[in-house]
Every structure is written in C-alpha cells, then in structure tokens.
Amino acid sequence: MALKWHPDRNKNSEEATRKFKEIRFPKAGNENARGESQDLVFVVEEKPHDVFVREGNDLVARVPVPLVEALTGAPAGARATKTVEMLDGRKLQVQLPVGIVKPGQETTVRGEGMPIRKDGVASRKGDMIVKWDVVFPTRLTPAQQEGIKKILG
C-alpha cells in the first residue's frame, strides 16, 4: 500500500499528496561515498479517523442531530450545542445554527483545524467545519404520524 501511493512514485498524484506528507531534514542522513551528508526523509501516511476528514488544513466533522432538536433547537433564551472531541482530547462545544438545522448545513469554527506549519513552526491552524447530520426516526407510530400532520400539515 505504501509504495503504491508513495509521493516518489506518484509525483503528480493529488491522492498521493493527500495521503502522505513528506518531512525532510536536509543533510541529517548518512554520508554518501563522497562524504556528503544526505537528507533524512520521513514519509508520514495519513490514517482515516472516526470523526474527522482532513481537507487541506481544515478538519471536517459530521455531527448527528436528532430531528426533534434540529426542528426545535434549545429552550427559549439558550443556544443548543453539541460536544465534539478534538484530536488533542479537548471537548469543544459547538453551537447549532439558529433556527431550523437543515441536513448538511455547516458551521465553521475558526482556528480548530490542522496546524499550518511554516519553516517547521505551527503559526496558525485551519478551521473545523461541522456538517450537521439530521437523524430521522426509522419509524413512527400512527399517533405520532397524526401529531406531525397536525403540527406541520
């Protein structure tokens, strides 16, 4: 698998670039026959994550919201939130959009994505994009169906 997607074998492959990150330490490797130090290169493979998908420097998380909460939100005077556990273990409270939450609607949390490195130093971070997945019930009783028809009908 690693050789199939290795950047040296796929120089123009966007997928190889996305799957692997090359970290190069100039002149930190062994010496060649002429006594010149070679570069030390680590190729890091990005593994899939249960919650996040990386898009450049941004992290995308799909967060479930029950249908009733998507339609009604939080009690009056409050904002509904969901907890997202970040890669570093922090638990971040993300506010649901105001009003009715539509399937696939997004909320951007600035500065909670992947570190953006320049000259080996992480100076800032990308964003976290929360895509709200509205969870619909798998079935309704006849009484529930009638109640919904009365309310929404």
N, C-alpha and C. Protein backbone atom coordinates (compact mmCIF):
# COMPACT_ATOMS: atom_id res chain seq x y z
N MET A 1 0.83 -1.20 0.00
CA MET A 1 0.00 0.00 0.00
C MET A 1 0.86 1.25 0.00
N ALA A 2 1.87 1.29 0.87
CA ALA A 2 2.68 2.49 0.98
C ALA A 2 3.39 2.81 -0.33
N LEU A 3 3.96 1.80 -0.99
CA LEU A 3 4.66 2.08 -2.24
C LEU A 3 3.70 2.50 -3.34
N LYS A 4 2.48 1.97 -3.33
CA LYS A 4 1.50 2.33 -4.35
C LYS A 4 1.24 3.83 -4.36
N TRP A 5 1.15 4.43 -3.17
CA TRP A 5 0.80 5.85 -3.08
C TRP A 5 1.99 6.74 -2.73
N HIS A 6 3.17 6.17 -2.61
CA HIS A 6 4.34 6.95 -2.20
C HIS A 6 4.55 8.13 -3.15
N PRO A 7 4.81 9.33 -2.61
CA PRO A 7 4.97 10.53 -3.45
C PRO A 7 6.07 10.41 -4.49
N ASP A 8 7.15 9.65 -4.20
CA ASP A 8 8.21 9.50 -5.20
C ASP A 8 7.73 8.74 -6.43
N ARG A 9 6.76 7.87 -6.26
CA ARG A 9 6.24 7.09 -7.38
C ARG A 9 5.03 7.75 -8.03
N ASN A 10 4.49 8.76 -7.40
CA ASN A 10 3.27 9.43 -7.88
C ASN A 10 3.43 10.94 -7.77
N LYS A 11 4.43 11.48 -8.42
CA LYS A 11 4.76 12.90 -8.26
C LYS A 11 3.60 13.84 -8.57
N ASN A 12 2.74 13.48 -9.52
CA ASN A 12 1.65 14.36 -9.92
C ASN A 12 0.30 13.88 -9.41
N SER A 13 0.30 12.98 -8.45
CA SER A 13 -0.95 12.41 -7.95
C SER A 13 -1.47 13.23 -6.77
N GLU A 14 -2.66 13.79 -6.94
CA GLU A 14 -3.29 14.55 -5.84
C GLU A 14 -3.60 13.63 -4.67
N GLU A 15 -4.00 12.39 -4.97
CA GLU A 15 -4.33 11.44 -3.90
C GLU A 15 -3.09 11.07 -3.10
N ALA A 16 -1.95 10.89 -3.78
CA ALA A 16 -0.70 10.59 -3.06
C ALA A 16 -0.31 11.76 -2.18
N THR A 17 -0.47 12.96 -2.69
CA THR A 17 -0.14 14.16 -1.91
C THR A 17 -1.03 14.25 -0.68
N ARG A 18 -2.31 13.88 -0.84
CA ARG A 18 -3.25 13.95 0.27
C ARG A 18 -2.99 12.85 1.30
N LYS A 19 -2.59 11.65 0.85
CA LYS A 19 -2.41 10.52 1.75
C LYS A 19 -1.08 10.58 2.51
N PHE A 20 -0.07 11.20 1.91
CA PHE A 20 1.26 11.18 2.50
C PHE A 20 1.81 12.59 2.66
N LYS A 21 2.56 12.77 3.72
CA LYS A 21 3.26 14.03 3.97
C LYS A 21 4.73 13.70 4.12
N GLU A 22 5.55 14.39 3.37
CA GLU A 22 6.99 14.17 3.43
C GLU A 22 7.62 15.20 4.35
N ILE A 23 8.39 14.71 5.31
CA ILE A 23 9.12 15.60 6.22
C ILE A 23 10.60 15.38 5.95
N ARG A 24 11.27 16.44 5.54
CA ARG A 24 12.67 16.34 5.11
C ARG A 24 13.57 17.11 6.07
N PHE A 25 14.65 16.45 6.49
CA PHE A 25 15.68 17.07 7.32
C PHE A 25 16.95 17.14 6.47
N PRO A 26 17.23 18.30 5.89
CA PRO A 26 18.39 18.42 5.00
C PRO A 26 19.70 18.07 5.70
N LYS A 27 20.50 17.26 5.02
CA LYS A 27 21.86 16.89 5.45
C LYS A 27 21.90 16.23 6.83
N ALA A 28 20.82 15.56 7.23
CA ALA A 28 20.78 14.88 8.53
C ALA A 28 20.92 13.37 8.39
N GLY A 29 21.08 12.88 7.16
CA GLY A 29 21.17 11.44 6.93
C GLY A 29 22.61 10.97 6.83
N ASN A 30 22.77 9.73 6.38
CA ASN A 30 24.10 9.14 6.22
C ASN A 30 24.88 9.86 5.13
N GLU A 31 26.19 9.67 5.16
CA GLU A 31 27.05 10.24 4.13
C GLU A 31 27.12 9.29 2.95
N ASN A 32 27.22 9.87 1.75
CA ASN A 32 27.39 9.03 0.57
C ASN A 32 28.88 8.73 0.39
N ALA A 33 29.24 8.08 -0.72
CA ALA A 33 30.63 7.67 -0.97
C ALA A 33 31.58 8.87 -1.03
N ARG A 34 31.07 10.03 -1.40
CA ARG A 34 31.92 11.23 -1.49
C ARG A 34 31.98 11.99 -0.16
N GLY A 35 31.34 11.45 0.89
CA GLY A 35 31.39 12.09 2.20
C GLY A 35 30.36 13.19 2.40
N GLU A 36 29.39 13.29 1.48
CA GLU A 36 28.35 14.33 1.59
C GLU A 36 27.17 13.78 2.39
N SER A 37 26.71 14.55 3.35
CA SER A 37 25.54 14.13 4.12
C SER A 37 24.30 14.19 3.25
N GLN A 38 23.49 13.16 3.35
CA GLN A 38 22.24 13.08 2.59
C GLN A 38 21.08 13.60 3.44
N ASP A 39 19.99 13.89 2.78
CA ASP A 39 18.79 14.30 3.50
C ASP A 39 18.16 13.09 4.18
N LEU A 40 17.60 13.32 5.35
CA LEU A 40 16.83 12.31 6.05
C LEU A 40 15.36 12.63 5.77
N VAL A 41 14.63 11.65 5.22
CA VAL A 41 13.25 11.90 4.80
C VAL A 41 12.32 10.91 5.48
N PHE A 42 11.29 11.45 6.12
CA PHE A 42 10.23 10.63 6.69
C PHE A 42 9.00 10.84 5.82
N VAL A 43 8.35 9.76 5.46
CA VAL A 43 7.09 9.85 4.73
C VAL A 43 6.00 9.38 5.69
N VAL A 44 5.10 10.29 6.03
CA VAL A 44 4.06 10.02 7.01
C VAL A 44 2.74 9.78 6.27
N GLU A 45 2.13 8.64 6.56
CA GLU A 45 0.85 8.31 5.94
C GLU A 45 -0.29 8.78 6.84
N GLU A 46 -1.25 9.46 6.24
CA GLU A 46 -2.41 9.92 6.98
C GLU A 46 -3.42 8.78 7.09
N LYS A 47 -3.79 8.46 8.30
CA LYS A 47 -4.75 7.37 8.55
C LYS A 47 -6.16 7.93 8.66
N PRO A 48 -7.17 7.14 8.25
CA PRO A 48 -8.55 7.59 8.42
C PRO A 48 -8.89 7.75 9.91
N HIS A 49 -9.81 8.66 10.21
CA HIS A 49 -10.24 8.93 11.58
C HIS A 49 -11.74 8.69 11.66
N ASP A 50 -12.22 8.29 12.84
CA ASP A 50 -13.65 8.00 13.01
C ASP A 50 -14.53 9.23 12.87
N VAL A 51 -14.03 10.39 13.25
CA VAL A 51 -14.85 11.60 13.28
C VAL A 51 -14.45 12.59 12.19
N PHE A 52 -13.16 12.80 12.01
CA PHE A 52 -12.67 13.87 11.15
C PHE A 52 -12.17 13.38 9.80
N VAL A 53 -12.38 14.23 8.80
CA VAL A 53 -11.77 14.05 7.48
C VAL A 53 -10.98 15.33 7.23
N ARG A 54 -9.77 15.17 6.76
CA ARG A 54 -8.93 16.34 6.50
C ARG A 54 -9.17 16.85 5.09
N GLU A 55 -9.38 18.15 4.97
CA GLU A 55 -9.48 18.81 3.67
C GLU A 55 -8.49 19.97 3.70
N GLY A 56 -7.29 19.71 3.19
CA GLY A 56 -6.23 20.71 3.28
C GLY A 56 -5.86 20.90 4.73
N ASN A 57 -5.95 22.13 5.22
CA ASN A 57 -5.66 22.42 6.63
C ASN A 57 -6.91 22.41 7.50
N ASP A 58 -8.06 22.15 6.88
CA ASP A 58 -9.32 22.12 7.62
C ASP A 58 -9.67 20.69 8.04
N LEU A 59 -10.40 20.58 9.13
CA LEU A 59 -10.95 19.30 9.57
C LEU A 59 -12.46 19.36 9.40
N VAL A 60 -13.02 18.33 8.81
CA VAL A 60 -14.47 18.25 8.62
C VAL A 60 -15.00 17.15 9.53
N ALA A 61 -16.00 17.50 10.34
CA ALA A 61 -16.63 16.53 11.25
C ALA A 61 -18.12 16.46 10.94
N ARG A 62 -18.64 15.26 10.82
CA ARG A 62 -20.08 15.07 10.66
C ARG A 62 -20.64 14.79 12.05
N VAL A 63 -21.56 15.65 12.47
CA VAL A 63 -22.11 15.56 13.83
C VAL A 63 -23.61 15.30 13.74
N PRO A 64 -24.09 14.22 14.38
CA PRO A 64 -25.52 13.91 14.32
C PRO A 64 -26.35 14.84 15.21
N VAL A 65 -27.54 15.18 14.71
CA VAL A 65 -28.51 15.99 15.45
C VAL A 65 -29.87 15.30 15.31
N PRO A 66 -30.50 14.91 16.42
CA PRO A 66 -31.83 14.30 16.31
C PRO A 66 -32.81 15.26 15.65
N LEU A 67 -33.74 14.72 14.88
CA LEU A 67 -34.70 15.54 14.14
C LEU A 67 -35.43 16.53 15.03
N VAL A 68 -35.87 16.09 16.20
CA VAL A 68 -36.62 16.99 17.08
C VAL A 68 -35.76 18.18 17.49
N GLU A 69 -34.48 17.95 17.74
CA GLU A 69 -33.58 19.05 18.11
C GLU A 69 -33.29 19.94 16.91
N ALA A 70 -33.19 19.34 15.72
CA ALA A 70 -32.95 20.13 14.51
C ALA A 70 -34.14 21.06 14.22
N LEU A 71 -35.33 20.61 14.55
CA LEU A 71 -36.53 21.41 14.30
C LEU A 71 -36.81 22.43 15.40
N THR A 72 -36.48 22.08 16.65
CA THR A 72 -36.89 22.94 17.76
C THR A 72 -35.74 23.68 18.43
N GLY A 73 -34.51 23.21 18.28
CA GLY A 73 -33.37 23.88 18.90
C GLY A 73 -33.38 23.76 20.41
N ALA A 74 -32.79 24.75 21.05
CA ALA A 74 -32.68 24.76 22.51
C ALA A 74 -33.89 25.48 23.12
N PRO A 75 -34.09 25.33 24.43
CA PRO A 75 -35.16 26.07 25.10
C PRO A 75 -34.98 27.58 24.90
N ALA A 76 -36.05 28.31 25.05
CA ALA A 76 -36.03 29.77 24.85
C ALA A 76 -34.90 30.41 25.64
N GLY A 77 -34.18 31.31 24.99
CA GLY A 77 -33.11 32.05 25.64
C GLY A 77 -31.78 31.33 25.67
N ALA A 78 -31.72 30.11 25.15
CA ALA A 78 -30.46 29.34 25.16
C ALA A 78 -30.07 28.98 23.73
N ARG A 79 -28.85 28.54 23.55
CA ARG A 79 -28.38 28.06 22.25
C ARG A 79 -28.04 26.59 22.40
N ALA A 80 -28.53 25.78 21.48
CA ALA A 80 -28.23 24.35 21.51
C ALA A 80 -26.78 24.13 21.08
N THR A 81 -26.11 23.22 21.77
CA THR A 81 -24.72 22.91 21.43
C THR A 81 -24.54 21.40 21.36
N LYS A 82 -23.50 21.00 20.66
CA LYS A 82 -23.07 19.61 20.61
C LYS A 82 -21.59 19.59 20.97
N THR A 83 -21.17 18.52 21.61
CA THR A 83 -19.77 18.37 22.01
C THR A 83 -19.02 17.60 20.94
N VAL A 84 -17.89 18.15 20.52
CA VAL A 84 -17.01 17.47 19.56
C VAL A 84 -15.68 17.25 20.26
N GLU A 85 -15.26 15.98 20.35
CA GLU A 85 -13.95 15.70 20.94
C GLU A 85 -12.89 15.91 19.87
N MET A 86 -11.97 16.82 20.16
CA MET A 86 -10.93 17.19 19.20
C MET A 86 -9.80 16.16 19.21
N LEU A 87 -8.91 16.26 18.23
CA LEU A 87 -7.80 15.31 18.11
C LEU A 87 -6.89 15.33 19.33
N ASP A 88 -6.79 16.49 19.99
CA ASP A 88 -5.92 16.60 21.16
C ASP A 88 -6.64 16.25 22.46
N GLY A 89 -7.88 15.74 22.36
CA GLY A 89 -8.62 15.31 23.54
C GLY A 89 -9.54 16.36 24.15
N ARG A 90 -9.39 17.62 23.72
CA ARG A 90 -10.28 18.66 24.24
C ARG A 90 -11.71 18.39 23.79
N LYS A 91 -12.65 18.80 24.62
CA LYS A 91 -14.06 18.69 24.26
C LYS A 91 -14.56 20.09 23.94
N LEU A 92 -14.90 20.30 22.69
CA LEU A 92 -15.30 21.62 22.20
C LEU A 92 -16.82 21.67 22.05
N GLN A 93 -17.44 22.70 22.62
CA GLN A 93 -18.88 22.90 22.48
C GLN A 93 -19.12 23.71 21.21
N VAL A 94 -19.86 23.14 20.27
CA VAL A 94 -20.15 23.82 19.01
C VAL A 94 -21.64 24.14 18.98
N GLN A 95 -21.95 25.41 18.75
CA GLN A 95 -23.35 25.83 18.72
C GLN A 95 -24.01 25.42 17.42
N LEU A 96 -25.23 24.91 17.54
CA LEU A 96 -26.02 24.61 16.36
C LEU A 96 -26.45 25.93 15.72
N PRO A 97 -26.69 25.91 14.42
CA PRO A 97 -27.18 27.13 13.78
C PRO A 97 -28.50 27.59 14.40
N VAL A 98 -28.75 28.88 14.33
CA VAL A 98 -30.00 29.45 14.84
C VAL A 98 -31.14 29.00 13.93
N GLY A 99 -32.26 28.68 14.51
CA GLY A 99 -33.42 28.27 13.73
C GLY A 99 -33.38 26.78 13.42
N ILE A 100 -34.02 26.41 12.33
CA ILE A 100 -34.10 25.00 11.94
C ILE A 100 -32.78 24.59 11.30
N VAL A 101 -32.24 23.45 11.77
CA VAL A 101 -30.99 22.92 11.22
C VAL A 101 -31.34 22.01 10.06
N LYS A 102 -30.80 22.33 8.89
CA LYS A 102 -31.07 21.54 7.69
C LYS A 102 -29.99 20.47 7.51
N PRO A 103 -30.34 19.30 6.97
CA PRO A 103 -29.33 18.27 6.75
C PRO A 103 -28.18 18.80 5.89
N GLY A 104 -26.95 18.56 6.36
CA GLY A 104 -25.77 19.01 5.62
C GLY A 104 -25.38 20.45 5.87
N GLN A 105 -26.18 21.18 6.63
CA GLN A 105 -25.83 22.57 6.95
C GLN A 105 -24.49 22.57 7.69
N GLU A 106 -23.70 23.62 7.49
CA GLU A 106 -22.35 23.67 8.05
C GLU A 106 -22.17 24.81 9.04
N THR A 107 -21.32 24.56 10.02
CA THR A 107 -20.86 25.58 10.95
C THR A 107 -19.34 25.55 10.93
N THR A 108 -18.71 26.70 10.75
CA THR A 108 -17.25 26.78 10.73
C THR A 108 -16.74 27.31 12.06
N VAL A 109 -15.79 26.58 12.64
CA VAL A 109 -15.15 27.01 13.88
C VAL A 109 -13.72 27.39 13.51
N ARG A 110 -13.44 28.67 13.51
CA ARG A 110 -12.14 29.19 13.09
C ARG A 110 -11.01 28.73 14.02
N GLY A 111 -9.89 28.36 13.42
CA GLY A 111 -8.69 28.04 14.18
C GLY A 111 -8.70 26.71 14.91
N GLU A 112 -9.61 25.80 14.56
CA GLU A 112 -9.66 24.50 15.23
C GLU A 112 -9.33 23.35 14.27
N GLY A 113 -8.68 23.67 13.16
CA GLY A 113 -8.28 22.64 12.20
C GLY A 113 -6.85 22.18 12.44
N MET A 114 -6.19 21.77 11.37
CA MET A 114 -4.82 21.26 11.46
C MET A 114 -3.83 22.42 11.55
N PRO A 115 -2.71 22.20 12.25
CA PRO A 115 -1.68 23.25 12.32
C PRO A 115 -1.12 23.55 10.93
N ILE A 116 -0.89 24.82 10.67
CA ILE A 116 -0.28 25.25 9.41
C ILE A 116 1.16 25.59 9.74
N ARG A 117 2.06 24.80 9.20
CA ARG A 117 3.48 24.97 9.52
C ARG A 117 4.20 25.75 8.44
N LYS A 118 5.08 26.62 8.91
CA LYS A 118 5.96 27.34 8.01
C LYS A 118 7.34 27.31 8.65
N ASP A 119 8.30 26.79 7.92
CA ASP A 119 9.66 26.63 8.43
C ASP A 119 9.68 25.82 9.72
N GLY A 120 8.82 24.79 9.79
CA GLY A 120 8.79 23.90 10.94
C GLY A 120 8.05 24.41 12.15
N VAL A 121 7.48 25.61 12.05
CA VAL A 121 6.78 26.20 13.19
C VAL A 121 5.29 26.32 12.86
N ALA A 122 4.45 25.84 13.78
CA ALA A 122 3.00 25.97 13.59
C ALA A 122 2.59 27.37 14.03
N SER A 123 2.30 28.22 13.05
CA SER A 123 1.97 29.61 13.38
C SER A 123 0.47 29.84 13.54
N ARG A 124 -0.32 29.00 12.90
CA ARG A 124 -1.78 29.13 13.00
C ARG A 124 -2.40 27.79 12.64
N LYS A 125 -3.73 27.74 12.67
CA LYS A 125 -4.44 26.50 12.37
C LYS A 125 -5.51 26.76 11.32
N GLY A 126 -5.86 25.68 10.61
CA GLY A 126 -7.00 25.74 9.71
C GLY A 126 -8.29 25.77 10.53
N ASP A 127 -9.41 25.55 9.87
CA ASP A 127 -10.71 25.60 10.54
C ASP A 127 -11.29 24.20 10.71
N MET A 128 -12.25 24.09 11.62
CA MET A 128 -13.04 22.87 11.72
C MET A 128 -14.40 23.20 11.12
N ILE A 129 -14.83 22.35 10.22
CA ILE A 129 -16.13 22.53 9.59
C ILE A 129 -17.03 21.40 10.08
N VAL A 130 -18.10 21.78 10.78
CA VAL A 130 -19.06 20.80 11.28
C VAL A 130 -20.19 20.71 10.27
N LYS A 131 -20.41 19.50 9.76
CA LYS A 131 -21.55 19.24 8.88
C LYS A 131 -22.60 18.54 9.73
N TRP A 132 -23.75 19.17 9.85
CA TRP A 132 -24.80 18.65 10.72
C TRP A 132 -25.58 17.56 9.98
N ASP A 133 -25.59 16.36 10.57
CA ASP A 133 -26.34 15.23 10.03
C ASP A 133 -27.63 15.09 10.83
N VAL A 134 -28.74 15.49 10.23
CA VAL A 134 -30.03 15.38 10.91
C VAL A 134 -30.44 13.90 10.88
N VAL A 135 -30.69 13.36 12.07
CA VAL A 135 -31.03 11.95 12.21
C VAL A 135 -32.56 11.82 12.26
N PHE A 136 -33.10 11.17 11.25
CA PHE A 136 -34.54 10.97 11.16
C PHE A 136 -34.91 9.67 11.87
N PRO A 137 -36.12 9.60 12.44
CA PRO A 137 -36.53 8.35 13.07
C PRO A 137 -36.70 7.26 12.01
N THR A 138 -36.51 6.02 12.43
CA THR A 138 -36.65 4.91 11.48
C THR A 138 -38.11 4.53 11.28
N ARG A 139 -38.96 4.86 12.26
CA ARG A 139 -40.40 4.59 12.12
C ARG A 139 -41.18 5.50 13.06
N LEU A 140 -42.45 5.67 12.75
CA LEU A 140 -43.35 6.46 13.60
C LEU A 140 -44.62 5.65 13.83
N THR A 141 -45.18 5.79 15.01
CA THR A 141 -46.47 5.15 15.28
C THR A 141 -47.54 5.96 14.55
N PRO A 142 -48.70 5.36 14.33
CA PRO A 142 -49.80 6.12 13.70
C PRO A 142 -50.14 7.40 14.48
N ALA A 143 -50.09 7.33 15.80
CA ALA A 143 -50.39 8.53 16.61
C ALA A 143 -49.34 9.62 16.38
N GLN A 144 -48.07 9.22 16.28
CA GLN A 144 -47.02 10.20 16.01
C GLN A 144 -47.20 10.81 14.63
N GLN A 145 -47.55 9.99 13.66
CA GLN A 145 -47.77 10.49 12.30
C GLN A 145 -48.90 11.52 12.29
N GLU A 146 -49.97 11.23 12.98
CA GLU A 146 -51.10 12.16 13.05
C GLU A 146 -50.69 13.46 13.74
N GLY A 147 -49.93 13.33 14.83
CA GLY A 147 -49.46 14.52 15.54
C GLY A 147 -48.60 15.41 14.65
N ILE A 148 -47.72 14.81 13.88
CA ILE A 148 -46.86 15.58 12.98
C ILE A 148 -47.69 16.25 11.89
N LYS A 149 -48.68 15.52 11.37
CA LYS A 149 -49.56 16.10 10.34
C LYS A 149 -50.31 17.31 10.89
N LYS A 150 -50.76 17.23 12.14
CA LYS A 150 -51.48 18.35 12.75
C LYS A 150 -50.56 19.55 12.92
N ILE A 151 -49.34 19.29 13.34
CA ILE A 151 -48.40 20.39 13.62
C ILE A 151 -47.85 20.99 12.32
N LEU A 152 -47.44 20.14 11.40
CA LEU A 152 -46.77 20.63 10.19
C LEU A 152 -47.68 20.74 8.97
N GLY A 153 -48.82 20.06 9.05
CA GLY A 153 -49.69 19.91 7.90
C GLY A 153 -50.35 21.11 7.43
